[in-house]
Amino acid sequence: MPEFTKPTLEYFELLPLFIVFGAACLGVLVEAFLPREQRRLPQVLLTMVGLAAALAATIWIATDLDVHAGSANQTARGLVGAEGSIIIDGPSVYLWGLILIFGILGTALFAERRLEGGLSSFAGQAAALPGSEAERLAATKDMDHTEVYPLMLFTIGGMLLFPASGDLLTMFVALEVLSLPLYLLCGLARRRRLLSHEASLKYFLLGAFSSGFFLYGAALVYGYAGTMTFAGIDQAVRAGTADHTLLLAGIALLAVGLLFKVGAAPFQAWTPDVYQGAPTAVTAFMSAGTKVAAFGALLRLFYVAFEAEQASWEPMLWGVAIGSLLIGAVLAVAQTDVKRMLAYSSVAHTGFLLVGVLGAQDAGELAQGQYSSLDGVLFYLTTYGFASVGAFALVTLVRNAGGEATANSAWAGLGRRSPLVAGAFAFLLLSMAGIPLTSGFVGKWAVLTSAMSAGAWPVVLVAIGSSIIGAFVYLRHIRVMFFTGQPADGMGNAARASVLTSTTIAVCLAATLFLGVFPGLVLVLLGQTGEFIR
């Protein structure tokens, strides 16, 4: 009888995951044992402390990563943990830090209560039908759904696991842990509940289909390689087999699942509806955190498992990148709602990130001092994440009698009524447009130069055209805020937020300016993170 061998876990390197999932489980216990009116403060503190502790552990781990023994050219740092299921390397740890920072900023937005007159932006009783007596009763009793905090922690746990996955099965589990709580969070808006329910249902249905595509693709790749691990798949691809069609079909289906998650064309249909219908605090967190986690997973899948098959998947990503750049920029022109405009803008930014992915080159092909495509994509994720969270946080401030005033016309003349809010929003829009001295300019430069050096100049030309269209969209909204008269009705005014939202906005503005003026500090840090462990 074979002897049982117990699995070995690297508890120190996996500490951020244990902290986040442990805090999420404690949050569930708080919901079970504390009275409803006493849950909010413990949940907020538990979430904040848990995320801060996980971030501290991540920084500690980052300072203790050694060069991986099997790394070619000594360019990868870290280790293969959890019996090969989780890879703790430089890119993983950097992405963990980003996700946790955006999680802390998102928690601050979740906990905001001043904007809704002492209530959060989440429904008092999610099970109550919109407009029903139960809903009115929940509003009069100031009921609040504090379950959003453990849901958020589970989502963040999935986000941490997603880009660190070492095999397809772990990646699928992380995808589901990431997605399922988000489906719920999108449907919990206090105002415009029917729109929120529609957003949640669309996200759930389309997300279920994308998960099915991913799982079917994993099955096909397993049939080709005989293994689920990325290292084993890479070896099988390099060895080659007669059934190459099976591999190509598997890559295509896996790509569908991941490209849906990042909101790339033609899988972007859910993005504007979900961004508009979800509570804006959820949209802010989701727009940054989900993109960071999903692009980390996409990079690991294509750069590690399918690196030897680059000639097959690169033309597909060319088409997806071009489609995302054009569809996102052109459809943003036609939007009359700020949240939908930012949603289509995110599709265009996904196109820019994919342009960076196309810049994949071997370390030996890089010129002295040249940053790799991985560095460029990670820097772009950093810049876009802060700009997106800050922009949506500012959207929560502009309000009228019906709540958030997201119609473009409601922002007319905001520069005269609330110059600080309008100025901050304009600055973040200019960063998204890629104006110099903002982080967006350096981010676009990083991904475009890496793609150009890899020979993807046609995609770079499309990206430049998309950037020009995007600049028109952003400048048009700035003109509405500063150079247009006040609307006859539905005018939006900037409400005074608590220190939570104010601090979030200040951090995002400071990061956007800092990364634009001193990008070298972060680019040097990215250069030290190394490559993926292969």
Protein backbone atom coordinates (compact mmCIF):
# COMPACT_ATOMS: atom_id res chain seq x y z
CA MET A 1 0.00 0.00 0.00
CA PRO A 2 1.52 3.36 -0.99
CA GLU A 3 2.54 5.61 1.85
CA PHE A 4 0.62 8.85 2.34
CA THR A 5 2.72 11.98 1.90
CA LYS A 6 1.37 15.09 3.54
CA PRO A 7 1.37 18.29 1.47
CA THR A 8 3.85 21.01 2.32
CA LEU A 9 2.67 24.61 2.60
CA GLU A 10 4.91 27.67 2.72
CA TYR A 11 2.97 29.47 5.45
CA PHE A 12 5.10 32.60 5.50
CA GLU A 13 4.95 33.22 1.73
CA LEU A 14 1.21 32.47 1.69
CA LEU A 15 0.50 34.70 4.69
CA PRO A 16 -1.39 37.44 2.76
CA LEU A 17 -3.83 34.85 1.44
CA PHE A 18 -4.35 33.33 4.88
CA ILE A 19 -4.93 36.76 6.44
CA VAL A 20 -7.49 37.89 3.83
CA PHE A 21 -9.45 34.63 3.78
CA GLY A 22 -9.26 34.40 7.58
CA ALA A 23 -10.62 37.95 7.94
CA ALA A 24 -13.41 37.06 5.50
CA CYS A 25 -14.40 34.04 7.60
CA LEU A 26 -14.34 36.17 10.76
CA GLY A 27 -16.60 38.64 8.97
CA VAL A 28 -19.10 35.86 8.35
CA LEU A 29 -19.03 35.03 12.08
CA VAL A 30 -19.64 38.69 12.92
CA GLU A 31 -22.74 38.57 10.71
CA ALA A 32 -23.92 35.42 12.45
CA PHE A 33 -23.44 36.42 16.09
CA LEU A 34 -23.72 40.20 16.40
CA PRO A 35 -27.04 42.09 16.27
CA ARG A 36 -27.61 43.91 13.00
CA GLU A 37 -27.24 47.40 14.46
CA GLN A 38 -23.84 46.53 16.00
CA ARG A 39 -22.14 44.98 12.99
CA ARG A 40 -20.97 47.94 10.92
CA LEU A 41 -18.02 49.21 12.97
CA PRO A 42 -16.56 45.73 13.70
CA GLN A 43 -16.87 44.82 10.02
CA VAL A 44 -15.16 48.01 8.81
CA LEU A 45 -12.36 47.64 11.36
CA LEU A 46 -11.91 43.94 10.62
CA THR A 47 -11.71 44.60 6.88
CA MET A 48 -9.31 47.51 7.19
CA VAL A 49 -7.04 45.75 9.71
CA GLY A 50 -7.08 42.52 7.69
CA LEU A 51 -6.13 44.26 4.44
CA ALA A 52 -3.48 46.41 6.15
CA ALA A 53 -1.97 43.31 7.80
CA ALA A 54 -1.97 41.46 4.46
CA LEU A 55 -0.28 44.46 2.81
CA ALA A 56 2.38 44.55 5.53
CA ALA A 57 2.96 40.81 5.08
CA THR A 58 3.24 41.32 1.31
CA ILE A 59 5.90 44.00 1.74
CA TRP A 60 7.76 41.72 4.15
CA ILE A 61 7.66 38.86 1.65
CA ALA A 62 8.83 41.15 -1.17
CA THR A 63 11.99 42.01 0.76
CA ASP A 64 12.76 38.32 1.34
CA LEU A 65 12.41 36.84 -2.16
CA ASP A 66 15.50 34.96 -3.34
CA VAL A 67 16.54 34.25 -6.91
CA HIS A 68 14.73 31.14 -8.13
CA ALA A 69 17.09 28.22 -8.60
CA GLY A 70 15.62 27.18 -11.94
CA SER A 71 15.52 30.69 -13.37
CA ALA A 72 17.22 31.26 -16.69
CA ASN A 73 19.60 34.26 -16.57
CA GLN A 74 18.75 34.63 -12.86
CA THR A 75 15.81 36.90 -13.78
CA ALA A 76 13.07 35.33 -11.62
CA ARG A 77 12.78 35.62 -7.85
CA GLY A 78 10.54 33.65 -5.51
CA LEU A 79 9.38 30.07 -5.14
CA VAL A 80 6.80 27.54 -6.24
CA GLY A 81 4.49 26.92 -3.28
CA ALA A 82 1.50 24.85 -2.21
CA GLU A 83 2.72 21.77 -4.07
CA GLY A 84 2.99 23.76 -7.31
CA SER A 85 -0.48 25.32 -7.12
CA ILE A 86 0.62 28.83 -6.15
CA ILE A 87 3.62 30.75 -7.51
CA ILE A 88 5.03 33.41 -5.20
CA ASP A 89 7.35 35.41 -7.46
CA GLY A 90 8.14 39.08 -8.00
CA PRO A 91 5.19 39.90 -10.31
CA SER A 92 2.76 38.05 -8.02
CA VAL A 93 3.88 39.96 -4.95
CA TYR A 94 3.72 43.31 -6.80
CA LEU A 95 0.19 42.54 -7.97
CA TRP A 96 -0.76 41.50 -4.43
CA GLY A 97 0.37 44.87 -3.15
CA LEU A 98 -1.65 46.72 -5.81
CA ILE A 99 -4.80 44.70 -5.15
CA LEU A 100 -4.56 45.21 -1.39
CA ILE A 101 -4.05 48.98 -1.78
CA PHE A 102 -7.09 49.22 -4.04
CA GLY A 103 -8.96 47.02 -1.55
CA ILE A 104 -8.20 49.45 1.29
CA LEU A 105 -9.32 52.40 -0.84
CA GLY A 106 -12.46 50.50 -1.83
CA THR A 107 -13.25 49.70 1.80
CA ALA A 108 -13.10 53.41 2.60
CA LEU A 109 -15.65 54.08 -0.15
CA PHE A 110 -17.84 51.20 1.06
CA ALA A 111 -17.88 52.68 4.57
CA GLU A 112 -18.91 56.19 3.44
CA ARG A 113 -22.20 57.27 5.09
CA ARG A 114 -22.33 61.06 5.01
CA LEU A 115 -23.31 61.26 1.32
CA GLU A 116 -26.54 59.29 1.88
CA GLY A 117 -27.55 61.12 5.05
CA GLY A 118 -26.10 58.66 7.53
CA LEU A 119 -26.65 55.54 5.41
CA SER A 120 -24.31 53.58 3.18
CA SER A 121 -24.78 53.32 -0.57
CA PHE A 122 -25.94 49.71 -0.19
CA ALA A 123 -29.54 48.54 0.06
CA GLY A 124 -31.07 48.15 3.52
CA GLN A 125 -32.73 44.84 2.63
CA ALA A 126 -31.60 43.27 -0.62
CA ALA A 127 -34.39 40.66 -0.64
CA ALA A 128 -37.12 43.34 -0.60
CA LEU A 129 -38.73 44.11 -3.94
CA PRO A 130 -37.97 47.63 -5.24
CA GLY A 131 -40.82 49.97 -4.26
CA SER A 132 -42.36 47.49 -1.84
CA GLU A 133 -43.49 48.09 1.73
CA ALA A 134 -40.57 45.97 2.98
CA GLU A 135 -38.12 48.27 1.24
CA ARG A 136 -39.72 51.38 2.73
CA LEU A 137 -39.66 49.76 6.17
CA ALA A 138 -35.96 48.94 5.80
CA ALA A 139 -35.27 52.57 4.86
CA THR A 140 -37.16 53.98 7.86
CA LYS A 141 -35.25 51.67 10.21
CA ASP A 142 -31.88 52.73 8.72
CA MET A 143 -31.06 49.10 7.93
CA ASP A 144 -27.70 48.39 6.33
CA HIS A 145 -26.13 45.40 4.60
CA THR A 146 -22.80 44.84 6.33
CA GLU A 147 -22.34 41.54 4.50
CA VAL A 148 -20.63 43.61 1.80
CA TYR A 149 -17.39 43.60 3.81
CA PRO A 150 -16.83 39.81 4.01
CA LEU A 151 -17.99 39.59 0.39
CA MET A 152 -15.35 42.11 -0.54
CA LEU A 153 -12.69 40.19 1.39
CA PHE A 154 -13.54 36.95 -0.40
CA THR A 155 -13.31 38.80 -3.71
CA ILE A 156 -9.91 40.20 -2.77
CA GLY A 157 -8.77 36.73 -1.72
CA GLY A 158 -9.73 35.44 -5.16
CA MET A 159 -7.93 38.38 -6.76
CA LEU A 160 -4.75 37.53 -4.84
CA LEU A 161 -4.91 33.87 -5.86
CA PHE A 162 -5.79 34.53 -9.52
CA PRO A 163 -2.45 35.92 -10.82
CA ALA A 164 -0.42 33.64 -8.52
CA SER A 165 -2.00 30.41 -9.76
CA GLY A 166 0.41 27.71 -10.83
CA ASP A 167 -2.08 25.51 -12.66
CA LEU A 168 -5.34 25.83 -14.56
CA LEU A 169 -7.49 24.28 -11.83
CA THR A 170 -6.29 26.73 -9.17
CA MET A 171 -6.80 29.58 -11.63
CA PHE A 172 -10.40 28.50 -12.25
CA VAL A 173 -11.13 28.26 -8.51
CA ALA A 174 -9.63 31.74 -8.03
CA LEU A 175 -11.76 33.05 -10.91
CA GLU A 176 -14.93 31.82 -9.24
CA VAL A 177 -13.97 33.04 -5.76
CA LEU A 178 -13.23 36.42 -7.31
CA SER A 179 -16.40 36.62 -9.38
CA LEU A 180 -19.28 35.27 -7.29
CA PRO A 181 -19.13 37.92 -4.53
CA LEU A 182 -18.84 40.64 -7.19
CA TYR A 183 -22.08 39.48 -8.81
CA LEU A 184 -23.82 40.02 -5.48
CA LEU A 185 -22.16 43.35 -4.71
CA CYS A 186 -23.25 44.77 -8.08
CA GLY A 187 -26.92 44.19 -7.21
CA LEU A 188 -26.96 45.86 -3.77
CA ALA A 189 -27.34 49.56 -4.67
CA ARG A 190 -29.61 51.56 -2.35
CA ARG A 191 -30.86 53.81 -5.16
CA ARG A 192 -31.92 52.80 -8.69
CA ARG A 193 -32.31 49.24 -7.51
CA LEU A 194 -33.85 47.89 -10.72
CA LEU A 195 -30.82 49.15 -12.66
CA SER A 196 -28.57 47.55 -10.07
CA HIS A 197 -30.42 44.23 -10.28
CA GLU A 198 -30.16 44.30 -14.06
CA ALA A 199 -26.42 44.93 -13.83
CA SER A 200 -25.96 42.06 -11.39
CA LEU A 201 -27.98 39.62 -13.50
CA LYS A 202 -26.17 40.52 -16.73
CA TYR A 203 -22.80 40.21 -15.05
CA PHE A 204 -23.76 36.84 -13.54
CA LEU A 205 -25.13 35.33 -16.75
CA LEU A 206 -22.31 36.49 -19.00
CA GLY A 207 -19.76 35.63 -16.31
CA ALA A 208 -21.15 32.11 -16.05
CA PHE A 209 -20.73 31.64 -19.80
CA SER A 210 -17.15 32.94 -19.67
CA SER A 211 -16.35 30.57 -16.80
CA GLY A 212 -17.72 27.72 -18.89
CA PHE A 213 -15.47 28.69 -21.78
CA PHE A 214 -12.47 28.82 -19.46
CA LEU A 215 -13.21 25.41 -17.96
CA TYR A 216 -13.76 23.82 -21.38
CA GLY A 217 -10.49 25.35 -22.57
CA ALA A 218 -8.72 23.94 -19.52
CA ALA A 219 -10.08 20.49 -20.35
CA LEU A 220 -8.80 20.71 -23.93
CA VAL A 221 -5.36 21.88 -22.84
CA TYR A 222 -5.25 19.06 -20.29
CA GLY A 223 -6.11 16.63 -23.05
CA TYR A 224 -3.20 18.00 -25.08
CA ALA A 225 -0.56 18.27 -22.36
CA GLY A 226 -1.66 15.64 -19.86
CA THR A 227 -1.14 18.09 -17.01
CA MET A 228 -2.75 21.19 -15.52
CA THR A 229 0.45 22.87 -14.31
CA PHE A 230 1.79 25.78 -16.34
CA ALA A 231 5.33 24.37 -16.25
CA GLY A 232 4.10 21.02 -17.54
CA ILE A 233 1.99 22.65 -20.27
CA ASP A 234 5.03 24.69 -21.35
CA GLN A 235 7.11 21.52 -21.65
CA ALA A 236 4.39 19.78 -23.66
CA VAL A 237 4.04 22.73 -26.01
CA ARG A 238 7.79 22.87 -26.59
CA ALA A 239 7.93 19.11 -27.19
CA GLY A 240 4.99 19.28 -29.62
CA THR A 241 2.41 16.61 -30.46
CA ALA A 242 0.43 15.65 -33.52
CA ASP A 243 -2.83 17.13 -32.23
CA HIS A 244 -1.98 20.81 -32.47
CA THR A 245 -5.62 21.76 -33.13
CA LEU A 246 -6.56 20.67 -29.61
CA LEU A 247 -4.02 23.08 -28.17
CA LEU A 248 -5.18 26.00 -30.32
CA ALA A 249 -8.82 25.41 -29.39
CA GLY A 250 -7.88 25.27 -25.71
CA ILE A 251 -5.90 28.53 -25.91
CA ALA A 252 -8.81 30.25 -27.65
CA LEU A 253 -11.36 29.15 -25.04
CA LEU A 254 -9.10 30.07 -22.12
CA ALA A 255 -8.55 33.46 -23.72
CA VAL A 256 -12.31 34.03 -23.94
CA GLY A 257 -12.68 33.49 -20.19
CA LEU A 258 -9.86 35.88 -19.30
CA LEU A 259 -10.64 38.54 -21.91
CA PHE A 260 -14.20 38.70 -20.62
CA LYS A 261 -12.88 39.42 -17.14
CA VAL A 262 -10.70 42.30 -18.33
CA GLY A 263 -13.54 43.73 -20.43
CA ALA A 264 -11.83 43.43 -23.82
CA ALA A 265 -13.74 43.61 -27.12
CA PRO A 266 -15.75 41.73 -28.28
CA PHE A 267 -16.47 40.59 -24.72
CA GLN A 268 -17.10 44.08 -23.32
CA ALA A 269 -20.91 44.14 -23.54
CA TRP A 270 -21.34 43.78 -19.77
CA THR A 271 -18.97 46.61 -18.89
CA PRO A 272 -21.11 49.77 -19.39
CA ASP A 273 -24.27 48.26 -17.88
CA VAL A 274 -22.49 46.86 -14.82
CA TYR A 275 -20.39 49.98 -14.23
CA GLN A 276 -23.54 52.13 -14.45
CA GLY A 277 -25.87 49.94 -12.37
CA ALA A 278 -23.55 48.80 -9.58
CA PRO A 279 -23.05 50.98 -6.49
CA THR A 280 -20.33 53.44 -7.49
CA ALA A 281 -18.11 52.31 -4.61
CA VAL A 282 -18.24 48.78 -6.04
CA THR A 283 -17.56 50.10 -9.54
CA ALA A 284 -14.50 51.98 -8.29
CA PHE A 285 -13.05 48.93 -6.58
CA MET A 286 -13.98 46.54 -9.38
CA SER A 287 -12.61 48.73 -12.18
CA ALA A 288 -9.14 48.64 -10.63
CA GLY A 289 -8.91 45.38 -8.68
CA THR A 290 -10.48 43.08 -11.25
CA LYS A 291 -8.35 44.45 -14.08
CA VAL A 292 -5.15 44.07 -12.05
CA ALA A 293 -5.93 40.47 -11.06
CA ALA A 294 -7.20 39.38 -14.47
CA PHE A 295 -4.28 40.87 -16.38
CA GLY A 296 -1.88 39.24 -13.94
CA ALA A 297 -3.50 35.88 -14.69
CA LEU A 298 -3.52 36.54 -18.44
CA LEU A 299 0.16 37.48 -18.41
CA ARG A 300 1.10 34.35 -16.47
CA LEU A 301 -0.94 32.10 -18.75
CA PHE A 302 0.46 33.45 -22.01
CA TYR A 303 4.00 34.25 -20.87
CA VAL A 304 4.55 30.99 -18.96
CA ALA A 305 2.26 28.18 -20.16
CA PHE A 306 1.98 29.26 -23.81
CA GLU A 307 5.22 31.20 -24.29
CA ALA A 308 6.44 28.75 -26.94
CA GLU A 309 3.15 29.15 -28.83
CA GLN A 310 3.42 32.95 -29.12
CA ALA A 311 3.20 32.83 -32.90
CA SER A 312 -0.31 31.32 -32.55
CA TRP A 313 -1.86 33.54 -29.88
CA GLU A 314 -0.23 36.82 -30.86
CA PRO A 315 -2.39 37.44 -33.99
CA MET A 316 -5.52 36.83 -31.88
CA LEU A 317 -4.41 39.42 -29.33
CA TRP A 318 -3.62 41.84 -32.16
CA GLY A 319 -7.26 41.68 -33.24
CA VAL A 320 -8.62 41.93 -29.70
CA ALA A 321 -6.35 44.87 -28.86
CA ILE A 322 -7.32 46.78 -32.00
CA GLY A 323 -11.02 46.07 -31.42
CA SER A 324 -10.82 47.19 -27.78
CA LEU A 325 -8.98 50.39 -28.67
CA LEU A 326 -11.45 51.39 -31.37
CA ILE A 327 -14.71 50.21 -29.78
CA GLY A 328 -13.87 51.69 -26.39
CA ALA A 329 -12.82 55.07 -27.76
CA VAL A 330 -15.54 55.46 -30.42
CA LEU A 331 -18.47 54.36 -28.22
CA ALA A 332 -17.25 56.61 -25.39
CA VAL A 333 -17.92 59.57 -27.70
CA ALA A 334 -21.64 58.76 -27.82
CA GLN A 335 -22.19 58.42 -24.06
CA THR A 336 -24.29 60.89 -22.09
CA ASP A 337 -23.64 59.31 -18.67
CA VAL A 338 -20.37 59.79 -16.81
CA LYS A 339 -20.20 56.21 -15.50
CA ARG A 340 -20.85 54.75 -18.96
CA MET A 341 -18.23 57.08 -20.43
CA LEU A 342 -15.69 55.79 -17.89
CA ALA A 343 -16.81 52.22 -18.63
CA TYR A 344 -16.09 52.51 -22.36
CA SER A 345 -12.89 54.34 -21.46
CA SER A 346 -11.89 51.26 -19.45
CA VAL A 347 -12.40 49.13 -22.58
CA ALA A 348 -9.98 51.39 -24.46
CA HIS A 349 -7.49 51.17 -21.59
CA THR A 350 -7.79 47.38 -21.77
CA GLY A 351 -6.72 47.73 -25.40
CA PHE A 352 -3.62 49.69 -24.33
CA LEU A 353 -2.77 46.99 -21.79
CA LEU A 354 -3.08 44.32 -24.47
CA VAL A 355 -0.75 46.38 -26.66
CA GLY A 356 1.75 46.06 -23.82
CA VAL A 357 1.19 42.28 -23.67
CA LEU A 358 2.06 42.10 -27.38
CA GLY A 359 5.48 43.53 -26.59
CA ALA A 360 6.66 40.17 -25.22
CA GLN A 361 10.37 39.61 -25.89
CA ASP A 362 13.04 37.37 -24.44
CA ALA A 363 15.35 38.98 -21.90
CA GLY A 364 18.25 38.64 -24.36
CA GLU A 365 16.39 40.68 -26.98
CA LEU A 366 15.99 43.72 -24.74
CA ALA A 367 18.38 46.61 -25.16
CA GLN A 368 20.48 47.78 -22.21
CA GLY A 369 18.19 49.64 -19.78
CA GLN A 370 15.03 48.80 -21.76
CA TYR A 371 11.97 47.86 -19.72
CA SER A 372 10.21 44.61 -20.54
CA SER A 373 6.60 44.33 -21.65
CA LEU A 374 5.79 42.89 -18.21
CA ASP A 375 7.17 46.02 -16.54
CA GLY A 376 5.17 48.23 -18.90
CA VAL A 377 1.88 46.41 -18.29
CA LEU A 378 2.35 46.38 -14.52
CA PHE A 379 3.13 50.11 -14.51
CA TYR A 380 0.06 50.83 -16.66
CA LEU A 381 -2.10 48.80 -14.27
CA THR A 382 -0.75 50.91 -11.41
CA THR A 383 -1.47 54.23 -13.11
CA TYR A 384 -4.91 53.28 -14.42
CA GLY A 385 -5.97 51.76 -11.11
CA PHE A 386 -5.37 54.94 -9.11
CA ALA A 387 -6.95 57.17 -11.77
CA SER A 388 -10.03 54.94 -12.04
CA VAL A 389 -10.65 54.63 -8.29
CA GLY A 390 -10.21 58.38 -7.88
CA ALA A 391 -12.54 59.20 -10.78
CA PHE A 392 -15.37 57.01 -9.52
CA ALA A 393 -14.87 58.31 -5.98
CA LEU A 394 -15.40 61.83 -7.33
CA VAL A 395 -18.53 60.66 -9.17
CA THR A 396 -20.05 59.75 -5.78
CA LEU A 397 -19.74 63.39 -4.68
CA VAL A 398 -21.73 65.01 -7.50
CA ARG A 399 -25.38 64.68 -6.48
CA ASN A 400 -28.86 66.10 -6.92
CA ALA A 401 -32.24 65.31 -5.37
CA GLY A 402 -32.25 61.81 -6.90
CA GLY A 403 -28.84 60.81 -5.58
CA GLU A 404 -25.73 60.65 -7.74
CA ALA A 405 -25.97 62.96 -10.76
CA THR A 406 -24.26 60.90 -13.44
CA ALA A 407 -25.79 62.54 -16.52
CA ASN A 408 -23.24 64.63 -18.39
CA SER A 409 -25.65 67.60 -18.43
CA ALA A 410 -25.78 67.61 -14.61
CA TRP A 411 -22.03 68.34 -14.53
CA ALA A 412 -22.43 71.52 -16.59
CA GLY A 413 -20.93 74.48 -14.78
CA LEU A 414 -19.56 72.32 -11.96
CA GLY A 415 -16.24 74.14 -12.25
CA ARG A 416 -17.88 77.32 -10.99
CA ARG A 417 -19.96 75.68 -8.26
CA SER A 418 -17.28 73.25 -6.98
CA PRO A 419 -13.90 74.11 -8.50
CA LEU A 420 -11.95 71.64 -6.35
CA VAL A 421 -14.08 68.63 -7.33
CA ALA A 422 -14.19 69.65 -10.98
CA GLY A 423 -10.46 70.34 -11.01
CA ALA A 424 -9.63 66.98 -9.43
CA PHE A 425 -11.86 65.15 -11.92
CA ALA A 426 -10.31 67.08 -14.81
CA PHE A 427 -6.82 66.14 -13.63
CA LEU A 428 -7.69 62.43 -13.55
CA LEU A 429 -9.31 62.66 -17.00
CA LEU A 430 -6.15 64.30 -18.34
CA SER A 431 -4.15 61.42 -16.89
CA MET A 432 -6.40 58.91 -18.65
CA ALA A 433 -5.86 60.89 -21.86
CA GLY A 434 -2.09 60.56 -21.45
CA ILE A 435 -1.18 64.22 -20.96
CA PRO A 436 2.49 64.78 -19.89
CA LEU A 437 3.28 65.19 -16.18
CA THR A 438 0.54 62.68 -15.34
CA SER A 439 0.93 58.97 -14.73
CA GLY A 440 -1.16 58.13 -17.79
CA PHE A 441 1.43 59.61 -20.14
CA VAL A 442 4.22 57.45 -18.73
CA GLY A 443 1.96 54.38 -18.70
CA LYS A 444 1.08 54.78 -22.37
CA TRP A 445 4.71 55.44 -23.23
CA ALA A 446 5.79 52.26 -21.42
CA VAL A 447 3.38 49.91 -23.22
CA LEU A 448 3.70 51.54 -26.65
CA THR A 449 7.50 51.49 -26.66
CA SER A 450 7.60 47.83 -25.65
CA ALA A 451 5.12 46.93 -28.39
CA MET A 452 7.04 49.00 -30.95
CA SER A 453 10.31 47.28 -30.09
CA ALA A 454 8.59 43.91 -30.61
CA GLY A 455 7.47 44.93 -34.10
CA ALA A 456 3.78 45.52 -33.36
CA TRP A 457 3.82 48.98 -34.96
CA PRO A 458 0.40 48.66 -36.68
CA VAL A 459 -1.25 48.16 -33.30
CA VAL A 460 0.74 51.10 -31.92
CA LEU A 461 -0.63 53.34 -34.70
CA VAL A 462 -4.19 52.29 -33.83
CA ALA A 463 -3.44 52.96 -30.16
CA ILE A 464 -2.28 56.49 -30.99
CA GLY A 465 -5.49 57.10 -32.95
CA SER A 466 -7.56 55.72 -30.07
CA SER A 467 -5.71 57.99 -27.67
CA ILE A 468 -6.62 61.02 -29.79
CA ILE A 469 -10.31 60.05 -29.78
CA GLY A 470 -10.14 59.45 -26.03
CA ALA A 471 -8.56 62.86 -25.50
CA PHE A 472 -11.52 64.41 -27.32
CA VAL A 473 -13.96 62.60 -24.99
CA TYR A 474 -12.14 63.73 -21.85
CA LEU A 475 -11.61 67.31 -23.02
CA ARG A 476 -15.26 67.56 -24.01
CA HIS A 477 -16.30 66.66 -20.48
CA ILE A 478 -13.84 69.18 -19.05
CA ARG A 479 -15.39 71.80 -21.33
CA VAL A 480 -18.84 70.87 -19.97
CA MET A 481 -17.64 71.35 -16.40
CA PHE A 482 -15.81 74.65 -16.89
CA PHE A 483 -17.14 76.36 -20.01
CA THR A 484 -20.86 75.47 -20.14
CA GLY A 485 -23.75 77.21 -18.41
CA GLN A 486 -25.73 75.61 -15.63
CA PRO A 487 -28.55 73.21 -16.67
CA ALA A 488 -32.20 74.22 -16.21
CA ASP A 489 -32.92 71.17 -14.03
CA GLY A 490 -31.14 68.13 -12.60
CA MET A 491 -28.06 70.21 -11.75
CA GLY A 492 -25.43 68.32 -9.79
CA ASN A 493 -23.64 69.83 -6.81
CA ALA A 494 -20.64 68.48 -4.96
CA ALA A 495 -21.65 67.07 -1.60
CA ARG A 496 -19.32 67.12 1.36
CA ALA A 497 -17.93 63.65 2.00
CA SER A 498 -16.45 62.17 5.15
CA VAL A 499 -12.74 61.77 5.70
CA LEU A 500 -12.92 58.25 4.20
CA THR A 501 -13.86 59.32 0.68
CA SER A 502 -11.80 62.51 0.90
CA THR A 503 -8.69 60.52 1.83
CA THR A 504 -9.29 58.05 -1.01
CA ILE A 505 -9.51 60.89 -3.53
CA ALA A 506 -6.41 62.59 -2.10
CA VAL A 507 -4.38 59.37 -2.29
CA CYS A 508 -5.41 58.75 -5.91
CA LEU A 509 -4.59 62.32 -6.94
CA ALA A 510 -1.23 62.21 -5.19
CA ALA A 511 -0.36 58.83 -6.76
CA THR A 512 -1.36 60.05 -10.24
CA LEU A 513 0.84 63.13 -9.91
CA PHE A 514 3.75 61.28 -8.29
CA LEU A 515 3.80 58.53 -10.94
CA GLY A 516 3.75 61.19 -13.64
CA VAL A 517 6.58 63.30 -12.20
CA PHE A 518 8.75 60.54 -10.67
CA PRO A 519 7.95 57.37 -12.65
CA GLY A 520 11.51 56.12 -12.44
CA LEU A 521 11.15 55.05 -8.82
CA VAL A 522 8.34 52.62 -9.65
CA LEU A 523 9.92 51.49 -12.93
CA VAL A 524 13.12 50.64 -11.09
CA LEU A 525 11.09 48.70 -8.53
CA LEU A 526 9.38 46.82 -11.35
CA GLY A 527 12.75 46.03 -12.87
CA GLN A 528 13.77 44.45 -9.57
CA THR A 529 10.67 42.26 -9.33
CA GLY A 530 12.04 40.00 -12.05
CA GLU A 531 10.19 37.78 -14.48
CA PHE A 532 7.60 35.07 -13.92
CA ILE A 533 8.91 31.77 -12.57
CA ARG A 534 8.70 29.31 -15.45
